Amino acid sequence: MKIEHAYTIVTSPGRNFVTLKIVTDEGTYGIGDATLNGREMAVVAYLDEHVIPALIGRDPQRIEDIWHYLYRGAYWRRGPVTMSAIAAVDMALWDIKAKLAGMPLYQLLGGKSRERVMVYGHATGRDIESCLEEVARHVDEGYKAVRVQAGVPGIASIYGVAKKDGEPYEPADADLPAEHVWSTSKYLNHVPKLFAAVRERFGDDLHILHDVHHRLTPIEAARLGKEVEPYHLFWLEDCVPAENQEAFGLIRQHTTTPLAVGEVFNSIHDAKALIENQWIDYIRATLTHAGGITHVRRIADLAGLYHVRTGFHGPTDLSPVCLGAAIHFDTWVPNFGIQEYMPHTRTTNEVFPHDYRFEDGHFIVGETPGHGVDIDEELAKQYPYKRASLPVNRLEDGTLWHW
């Protein structure tokens, strides 16, 4: 069996998505997600010009060999563009192999470690009260875990909070990066009140999570982690940028609040020190941005040795292809923690039909051979690409926040 042809599909049925389709000479095909939010077309060019020509004629069943060929053969290793491209190939090849075996993907990975996959939803509000109403809506829908984000008095617009109450949160909200004003002191003084209000209304059984979006220094994050300890967060996410992995060691010295990081990671090397020193509790690397199933299972295996669990990033800027593959991975991986879930739009689900389903705060994996997600190419053509960018933060004096 040989790879006969492969091509990229770019579509925007609500968000921009890049899909790689690989077709064998026997007609079996697989698809992988290559979406890199805000830099989608860079990955398309990398795949079209450099990766796809190197795939033609290769045996699609040699997944490990092809992964190393693409990673080591490029000389320029790692990075989000390279690893997203490799991930798309890897995901598509696992899809093909599982189809050839007549098995759902999780069976090839080693079978089920659990019957269902706990997810967390997103509750945001312009103030605490409106955020509580969104939490209540999620609880009514069956969620056992909810990420809570609320506006801060004196800050006009906050990344992570929907612009209007009751509407889905959309992070990539402008053609070019918008510039938001940020005040660390106002945030730190206000956000513990949010968790106190959630616990007062919903009690101790609901898992609550919070994302800082990399906006604190290590000692500021240590202060926040210590102050929210009475509210028993499931995790505090991305409290500082992780380029300086040792920063998490300082935070860990001051708080027992569980820490999560990794959605921007591209390889095991980004997480190695964090895991081995047990500075974090959850690793958030995604299949799409960290080299696919082949590489992320190595990250998960390393994490398992140090009591670190998975908590995959699952936003709407990753397609249902990534989410479907992640649910198979979550169903198998022994050291599973939780799966993020931001529901895709109706049009997105129509473009990407799938067999996973949400039920009572959990995902139930499908039994279709492969990863269970397909793409309607004709429908995808109706939604052309439109550039969209994530915002940046400036402090109140105009300084670009840069830690």
Protein backbone atom coordinates (compact mmCIF):
# COMPACT_ATOMS: atom_id res chain seq x y z
CA MET A 1 0.00 0.00 0.00
CA LYS A 2 1.25 3.47 -0.90
CA ILE A 3 0.17 7.05 -0.36
CA GLU A 4 -1.17 8.08 -3.76
CA HIS A 5 -2.05 11.71 -3.09
CA ALA A 6 -2.68 14.21 -0.31
CA TYR A 7 -4.06 17.72 -0.15
CA THR A 8 -5.10 20.47 2.24
CA ILE A 9 -8.64 21.78 2.70
CA VAL A 10 -9.17 25.24 4.19
CA THR A 11 -12.64 26.17 5.39
CA SER A 12 -14.24 28.62 7.82
CA PRO A 13 -17.69 27.44 8.98
CA GLY A 14 -17.48 29.66 12.06
CA ARG A 15 -13.70 29.42 12.62
CA ASN A 16 -10.80 28.82 10.23
CA PHE A 17 -9.81 25.16 9.95
CA VAL A 18 -7.04 23.43 7.99
CA THR A 19 -7.55 19.75 7.21
CA LEU A 20 -5.07 17.37 5.58
CA LYS A 21 -6.49 14.45 3.61
CA ILE A 22 -4.23 11.51 2.72
CA VAL A 23 -5.46 8.93 0.18
CA THR A 24 -3.89 5.54 -0.48
CA ASP A 25 -3.65 3.70 -3.81
CA GLU A 26 -6.27 1.27 -2.46
CA GLY A 27 -8.78 4.06 -1.82
CA THR A 28 -8.59 4.23 1.99
CA TYR A 29 -8.18 7.78 3.28
CA GLY A 30 -7.53 9.53 6.56
CA ILE A 31 -7.82 13.13 7.69
CA GLY A 32 -5.88 15.20 10.22
CA ASP A 33 -6.29 18.64 11.75
CA ALA A 34 -3.56 21.16 10.89
CA THR A 35 -5.22 24.28 12.31
CA LEU A 36 -2.91 26.87 13.90
CA ASN A 37 -5.13 29.72 15.02
CA GLY A 38 -4.00 33.02 13.50
CA ARG A 39 -1.27 31.36 11.41
CA GLU A 40 -3.35 28.85 9.44
CA MET A 41 -1.95 29.64 6.01
CA ALA A 42 1.63 29.21 7.19
CA VAL A 43 0.86 25.57 7.95
CA VAL A 44 -0.93 25.18 4.61
CA ALA A 45 2.18 26.40 2.79
CA TYR A 46 4.42 24.12 4.85
CA LEU A 47 2.25 21.11 4.02
CA ASP A 48 1.70 21.92 0.35
CA GLU A 49 5.27 22.89 -0.47
CA HIS A 50 7.36 20.69 1.79
CA VAL A 51 5.48 17.81 3.40
CA ILE A 52 2.99 16.48 0.87
CA PRO A 53 5.56 15.99 -1.92
CA ALA A 54 7.65 13.91 0.52
CA LEU A 55 4.71 11.66 1.40
CA ILE A 56 3.79 10.43 -2.07
CA GLY A 57 4.72 6.78 -2.58
CA ARG A 58 5.36 6.03 1.09
CA ASP A 59 3.73 3.21 3.02
CA PRO A 60 1.00 4.86 5.17
CA GLN A 61 1.21 2.06 7.73
CA ARG A 62 4.75 3.08 8.76
CA ILE A 63 3.51 5.81 11.08
CA GLU A 64 6.54 5.90 13.38
CA ASP A 65 9.01 5.99 10.52
CA ILE A 66 7.16 8.77 8.72
CA TRP A 67 6.93 10.82 11.92
CA HIS A 68 10.70 10.72 12.40
CA TYR A 69 11.33 11.29 8.70
CA LEU A 70 9.33 14.53 8.83
CA TYR A 71 10.69 15.65 12.21
CA ARG A 72 14.36 14.86 11.71
CA GLY A 73 14.54 15.30 7.96
CA ALA A 74 13.53 18.95 8.08
CA TYR A 75 16.64 19.86 10.15
CA TRP A 76 14.62 22.78 11.59
CA ARG A 77 12.88 20.86 14.35
CA ARG A 78 9.93 21.77 16.55
CA GLY A 79 7.99 25.03 16.39
CA PRO A 80 4.21 25.41 15.99
CA VAL A 81 4.13 25.37 12.18
CA THR A 82 6.31 22.29 11.77
CA MET A 83 4.66 20.34 14.57
CA SER A 84 1.11 21.20 13.45
CA ALA A 85 1.96 19.95 9.97
CA ILE A 86 3.48 16.73 11.33
CA ALA A 87 0.49 16.30 13.61
CA ALA A 88 -1.93 16.47 10.70
CA VAL A 89 -0.02 13.75 8.86
CA ASP A 90 0.21 11.62 11.98
CA MET A 91 -3.51 11.95 12.76
CA ALA A 92 -4.46 11.05 9.20
CA LEU A 93 -2.18 8.00 9.20
CA TRP A 94 -3.63 6.71 12.49
CA ASP A 95 -7.08 7.22 10.97
CA ILE A 96 -6.04 5.08 7.97
CA LYS A 97 -4.45 2.36 10.11
CA ALA A 98 -7.53 2.07 12.32
CA LYS A 99 -9.79 1.88 9.27
CA LEU A 100 -7.63 -0.86 7.79
CA ALA A 101 -7.84 -2.75 11.08
CA GLY A 102 -11.61 -2.25 11.21
CA MET A 103 -11.28 -0.76 14.71
CA PRO A 104 -12.02 2.52 16.44
CA LEU A 105 -8.76 4.33 17.13
CA TYR A 106 -8.80 3.83 20.89
CA GLN A 107 -8.57 0.05 20.35
CA LEU A 108 -5.30 0.42 18.45
CA LEU A 109 -3.91 2.60 21.23
CA GLY A 110 -4.54 -0.17 23.76
CA GLY A 111 -8.26 -0.19 24.47
CA LYS A 112 -10.43 1.64 26.97
CA SER A 113 -9.14 2.84 30.32
CA ARG A 114 -12.56 4.38 31.05
CA GLU A 115 -16.12 4.31 29.76
CA ARG A 116 -16.52 8.07 29.40
CA VAL A 117 -14.41 11.22 29.29
CA MET A 118 -15.15 14.07 31.71
CA VAL A 119 -15.15 17.50 30.09
CA TYR A 120 -15.29 21.07 31.31
CA GLY A 121 -17.28 23.86 29.71
CA HIS A 122 -16.76 27.62 29.64
CA ALA A 123 -18.85 30.03 31.70
CA THR A 124 -18.10 33.71 31.19
CA GLY A 125 -19.85 36.90 32.22
CA ARG A 126 -19.25 40.63 32.14
CA ASP A 127 -19.59 40.55 35.94
CA ILE A 128 -19.77 37.93 38.66
CA GLU A 129 -23.56 37.65 38.67
CA SER A 130 -23.82 37.05 34.92
CA CYS A 131 -21.00 34.52 35.14
CA LEU A 132 -22.94 32.66 37.85
CA GLU A 133 -25.92 32.46 35.53
CA GLU A 134 -23.73 30.86 32.87
CA VAL A 135 -22.36 28.40 35.43
CA ALA A 136 -25.97 27.50 36.32
CA ARG A 137 -26.76 26.90 32.66
CA HIS A 138 -23.81 24.53 32.34
CA VAL A 139 -24.80 22.67 35.50
CA ASP A 140 -28.32 22.29 34.10
CA GLU A 141 -26.81 20.83 30.91
CA GLY A 142 -25.01 18.18 32.97
CA TYR A 143 -21.49 19.57 33.28
CA LYS A 144 -19.56 18.38 36.32
CA ALA A 145 -16.71 20.83 35.68
CA VAL A 146 -16.85 24.45 34.52
CA ARG A 147 -14.17 27.02 33.75
CA VAL A 148 -15.22 30.38 35.18
CA GLN A 149 -14.08 33.74 33.80
CA ALA A 150 -15.63 37.11 34.63
CA GLY A 151 -15.07 40.74 33.78
CA VAL A 152 -13.05 42.92 36.14
CA PRO A 153 -14.27 46.38 37.18
CA GLY A 154 -12.14 49.02 35.49
CA ILE A 155 -11.01 46.77 32.60
CA ALA A 156 -13.07 47.27 29.47
CA SER A 157 -12.33 44.06 27.58
CA ILE A 158 -10.72 40.85 28.84
CA TYR A 159 -9.42 37.98 26.77
CA GLY A 160 -11.32 34.92 27.95
CA VAL A 161 -14.64 36.69 28.56
CA ALA A 162 -17.42 36.92 25.95
CA LYS A 163 -18.19 40.44 24.74
CA LYS A 164 -21.89 39.95 25.46
CA ASP A 165 -23.43 37.86 28.21
CA GLY A 166 -24.96 34.64 26.99
CA GLU A 167 -22.98 34.58 23.74
CA PRO A 168 -20.18 32.11 22.94
CA TYR A 169 -16.70 33.35 23.74
CA GLU A 170 -14.73 34.12 20.56
CA PRO A 171 -11.00 34.80 21.16
CA ALA A 172 -9.96 35.60 17.56
CA ASP A 173 -12.11 38.70 17.27
CA ALA A 174 -10.33 40.91 14.72
CA ASP A 175 -8.58 40.81 11.35
CA LEU A 176 -5.33 41.93 12.98
CA PRO A 177 -4.48 41.66 16.70
CA ALA A 178 -6.65 43.95 18.82
CA GLU A 179 -4.96 45.74 21.74
CA HIS A 180 -6.64 45.31 25.14
CA VAL A 181 -5.82 47.25 28.30
CA TRP A 182 -4.82 45.08 31.26
CA SER A 183 -4.41 45.77 34.99
CA THR A 184 -2.85 43.02 37.07
CA SER A 185 -3.70 44.67 40.38
CA LYS A 186 -7.38 45.06 39.54
CA TYR A 187 -7.55 41.46 38.38
CA LEU A 188 -5.82 40.03 41.44
CA ASN A 189 -8.00 42.03 43.81
CA HIS A 190 -11.21 40.93 42.10
CA VAL A 191 -10.94 37.34 40.87
CA PRO A 192 -10.98 35.56 44.27
CA LYS A 193 -14.45 37.06 44.80
CA LEU A 194 -15.61 35.14 41.72
CA PHE A 195 -14.59 31.78 43.19
CA ALA A 196 -16.13 32.64 46.54
CA ALA A 197 -19.42 33.39 44.79
CA VAL A 198 -19.32 30.15 42.79
CA ARG A 199 -18.73 28.06 45.90
CA GLU A 200 -21.42 29.89 47.86
CA ARG A 201 -24.03 29.22 45.16
CA PHE A 202 -23.02 25.79 43.85
CA GLY A 203 -21.29 24.16 46.80
CA ASP A 204 -18.15 22.05 46.84
CA ASP A 205 -19.03 19.25 44.42
CA LEU A 206 -18.74 21.26 41.20
CA HIS A 207 -15.24 21.26 39.73
CA ILE A 208 -14.20 24.84 38.95
CA LEU A 209 -11.29 25.84 36.75
CA HIS A 210 -9.77 29.19 35.81
CA ASP A 211 -7.46 30.38 33.01
CA VAL A 212 -5.08 33.28 33.71
CA HIS A 213 -3.94 33.38 30.04
CA HIS A 214 -0.24 33.86 30.88
CA ARG A 215 -0.81 37.34 32.36
CA LEU A 216 1.05 37.17 35.67
CA THR A 217 4.63 37.08 36.91
CA PRO A 218 5.64 34.08 39.03
CA ILE A 219 5.24 35.84 42.39
CA GLU A 220 1.87 37.30 41.31
CA ALA A 221 0.74 33.83 40.31
CA ALA A 222 1.94 32.48 43.65
CA ARG A 223 -0.19 35.10 45.42
CA LEU A 224 -3.25 34.16 43.37
CA GLY A 225 -2.76 30.44 43.90
CA LYS A 226 -2.47 30.94 47.66
CA GLU A 227 -5.50 33.24 47.89
CA VAL A 228 -7.80 30.84 46.01
CA GLU A 229 -6.84 27.74 48.02
CA PRO A 230 -10.01 27.90 50.16
CA TYR A 231 -12.12 27.45 47.00
CA HIS A 232 -10.40 24.18 45.94
CA LEU A 233 -9.96 24.84 42.23
CA PHE A 234 -9.63 21.84 39.93
CA TRP A 235 -6.78 23.81 38.38
CA LEU A 236 -5.29 27.24 37.77
CA GLU A 237 -4.26 27.36 34.13
CA ASP A 238 -1.50 29.23 32.32
CA CYS A 239 -0.78 31.54 35.23
CA VAL A 240 2.58 32.57 33.73
CA PRO A 241 4.22 32.17 30.32
CA ALA A 242 6.03 28.84 30.34
CA GLU A 243 9.15 29.69 28.35
CA ASN A 244 10.82 29.94 31.75
CA GLN A 245 9.82 26.55 33.12
CA GLU A 246 11.55 27.21 36.44
CA ALA A 247 8.96 29.91 37.16
CA PHE A 248 6.51 27.16 38.05
CA GLY A 249 8.92 25.96 40.71
CA LEU A 250 8.58 29.29 42.48
CA ILE A 251 4.79 29.16 42.26
CA ARG A 252 4.73 25.60 43.55
CA GLN A 253 6.64 26.66 46.68
CA HIS A 254 3.80 28.97 47.70
CA THR A 255 0.54 27.19 46.86
CA THR A 256 -1.22 23.84 46.79
CA THR A 257 -3.65 24.97 44.08
CA PRO A 258 -3.22 22.50 41.15
CA LEU A 259 -1.46 24.01 38.13
CA ALA A 260 -2.06 23.35 34.44
CA VAL A 261 -0.13 24.51 31.38
CA GLY A 262 0.80 23.44 27.87
CA GLU A 263 -1.73 24.45 25.23
CA VAL A 264 1.01 26.36 23.36
CA PHE A 265 3.57 23.55 23.71
CA ASN A 266 4.89 21.82 20.60
CA SER A 267 7.03 19.01 21.96
CA ILE A 268 8.02 16.96 24.95
CA HIS A 269 11.00 19.28 25.46
CA ASP A 270 8.64 22.15 26.30
CA ALA A 271 7.22 20.13 29.19
CA LYS A 272 10.17 17.99 30.31
CA ALA A 273 11.36 20.04 33.30
CA LEU A 274 7.81 20.91 34.36
CA ILE A 275 6.89 17.24 34.51
CA GLU A 276 10.08 15.81 35.98
CA ASN A 277 10.16 18.40 38.77
CA GLN A 278 6.43 17.95 39.40
CA TRP A 279 5.88 21.70 39.05
CA ILE A 280 2.52 21.09 37.32
CA ASP A 281 -0.41 18.75 37.81
CA TYR A 282 -1.94 18.75 34.31
CA ILE A 283 -0.35 18.88 30.87
CA ARG A 284 -2.48 20.62 28.23
CA ALA A 285 -0.59 19.95 24.98
CA THR A 286 -2.88 19.23 22.03
CA LEU A 287 -2.67 16.52 19.40
CA THR A 288 -2.74 19.17 16.66
CA HIS A 289 0.05 21.41 17.94
CA ALA A 290 2.34 18.87 19.60
CA GLY A 291 3.11 16.45 16.80
CA GLY A 292 0.02 14.27 16.78
CA ILE A 293 -0.86 11.04 18.55
CA THR A 294 2.61 9.53 18.14
CA HIS A 295 4.35 12.34 20.02
CA VAL A 296 1.66 13.26 22.56
CA ARG A 297 1.49 9.70 23.84
CA ARG A 298 5.20 10.07 24.71
CA ILE A 299 4.39 13.25 26.62
CA ALA A 300 1.57 11.45 28.42
CA ASP A 301 3.78 8.48 29.26
CA LEU A 302 6.44 10.77 30.75
CA ALA A 303 3.78 12.67 32.66
CA GLY A 304 2.35 9.46 34.09
CA LEU A 305 5.66 8.67 35.79
CA TYR A 306 5.36 11.88 37.82
CA HIS A 307 1.64 11.89 38.70
CA VAL A 308 0.85 14.49 36.04
CA ARG A 309 -2.44 13.99 34.22
CA THR A 310 -3.68 15.07 30.81
CA GLY A 311 -6.05 17.99 30.30
CA PHE A 312 -6.13 18.58 26.58
CA HIS A 313 -6.81 22.02 25.15
CA GLY A 314 -10.15 21.83 23.30
CA PRO A 315 -11.19 25.22 21.91
CA THR A 316 -13.34 25.97 18.88
CA ASP A 317 -10.20 26.93 16.91
CA LEU A 318 -9.29 23.24 16.73
CA SER A 319 -11.58 21.31 14.42
CA PRO A 320 -13.78 18.32 15.29
CA VAL A 321 -11.04 16.20 13.70
CA CYS A 322 -8.69 17.08 16.57
CA LEU A 323 -11.46 16.75 19.15
CA GLY A 324 -12.54 13.35 17.84
CA ALA A 325 -8.97 12.02 17.91
CA ALA A 326 -8.48 13.52 21.38
CA ILE A 327 -11.54 11.70 22.72
CA HIS A 328 -10.09 8.40 21.51
CA PHE A 329 -6.78 9.32 23.18
CA ASP A 330 -8.61 10.37 26.38
CA THR A 331 -10.52 7.09 26.43
CA TRP A 332 -7.26 5.14 26.29
CA VAL A 333 -4.64 7.17 28.21
CA PRO A 334 -4.16 5.82 31.76
CA ASN A 335 -3.34 9.19 33.37
CA PHE A 336 -6.34 11.10 32.04
CA GLY A 337 -7.48 14.20 33.90
CA ILE A 338 -10.09 16.14 31.95
CA GLN A 339 -10.92 17.35 28.41
CA GLU A 340 -11.75 20.94 27.52
CA TYR A 341 -14.95 21.35 25.49
CA MET A 342 -16.10 24.45 23.66
CA PRO A 343 -19.03 23.36 21.45
CA HIS A 344 -18.54 23.97 17.74
CA THR A 345 -21.13 25.80 15.66
CA ARG A 346 -23.87 23.90 13.88
CA THR A 347 -22.24 24.63 10.51
CA THR A 348 -18.89 23.33 11.76
CA ASN A 349 -20.49 20.07 12.85
CA GLU A 350 -22.16 19.76 9.46
CA VAL A 351 -18.85 20.21 7.64
CA PHE A 352 -17.18 17.70 9.99
CA PRO A 353 -19.66 14.87 10.69
CA HIS A 354 -18.56 12.74 13.65
CA ASP A 355 -19.65 9.90 15.90
CA TYR A 356 -18.57 11.16 19.35
CA ARG A 357 -21.34 12.50 21.56
CA PHE A 358 -21.77 14.65 24.67
CA GLU A 359 -23.77 13.11 27.50
CA ASP A 360 -24.17 14.26 31.13
CA GLY A 361 -20.93 16.21 31.33
CA HIS A 362 -18.87 13.61 29.47
CA PHE A 363 -17.88 12.58 25.97
CA ILE A 364 -18.70 9.08 24.80
CA VAL A 365 -16.28 7.76 22.20
CA GLY A 366 -17.65 6.39 18.92
CA GLU A 367 -17.13 2.92 17.51
CA THR A 368 -16.60 3.82 13.83
CA PRO A 369 -13.30 2.46 12.47
CA GLY A 370 -10.73 5.26 12.52
CA HIS A 371 -11.09 8.39 14.64
CA GLY A 372 -14.72 8.74 13.62
CA VAL A 373 -14.59 12.21 12.04
CA ASP A 374 -14.99 13.00 8.33
CA ILE A 375 -15.20 16.14 6.21
CA ASP A 376 -17.86 17.16 3.69
CA GLU A 377 -15.59 18.75 1.09
CA GLU A 378 -18.39 20.21 -1.02
CA LEU A 379 -19.96 21.87 1.99
CA ALA A 380 -16.56 23.09 3.17
CA LYS A 381 -16.17 25.06 -0.09
CA GLN A 382 -19.09 27.26 0.95
CA TYR A 383 -17.09 28.75 3.84
CA PRO A 384 -13.97 30.53 2.54
CA TYR A 385 -11.02 31.47 4.70
CA LYS A 386 -11.11 34.80 6.52
CA ARG A 387 -8.11 35.99 8.53
CA ALA A 388 -8.72 36.34 12.27
CA SER A 389 -6.26 37.19 15.01
CA LEU A 390 -5.93 36.90 18.77
CA PRO A 391 -5.54 40.09 20.85
CA VAL A 392 -2.54 41.40 22.79
CA ASN A 393 -2.47 43.19 26.15
CA ARG A 394 -1.08 46.57 27.11
CA LEU A 395 -0.74 47.82 30.65
CA GLU A 396 -2.58 50.96 31.66
CA ASP A 397 0.53 53.08 30.95
CA GLY A 398 0.69 51.73 27.39
CA THR A 399 3.44 49.13 27.90
CA LEU A 400 2.97 45.95 25.89
CA TRP A 401 2.65 43.13 28.42
CA HIS A 402 5.62 40.92 27.58
CA TRP A 403 6.60 38.54 30.38
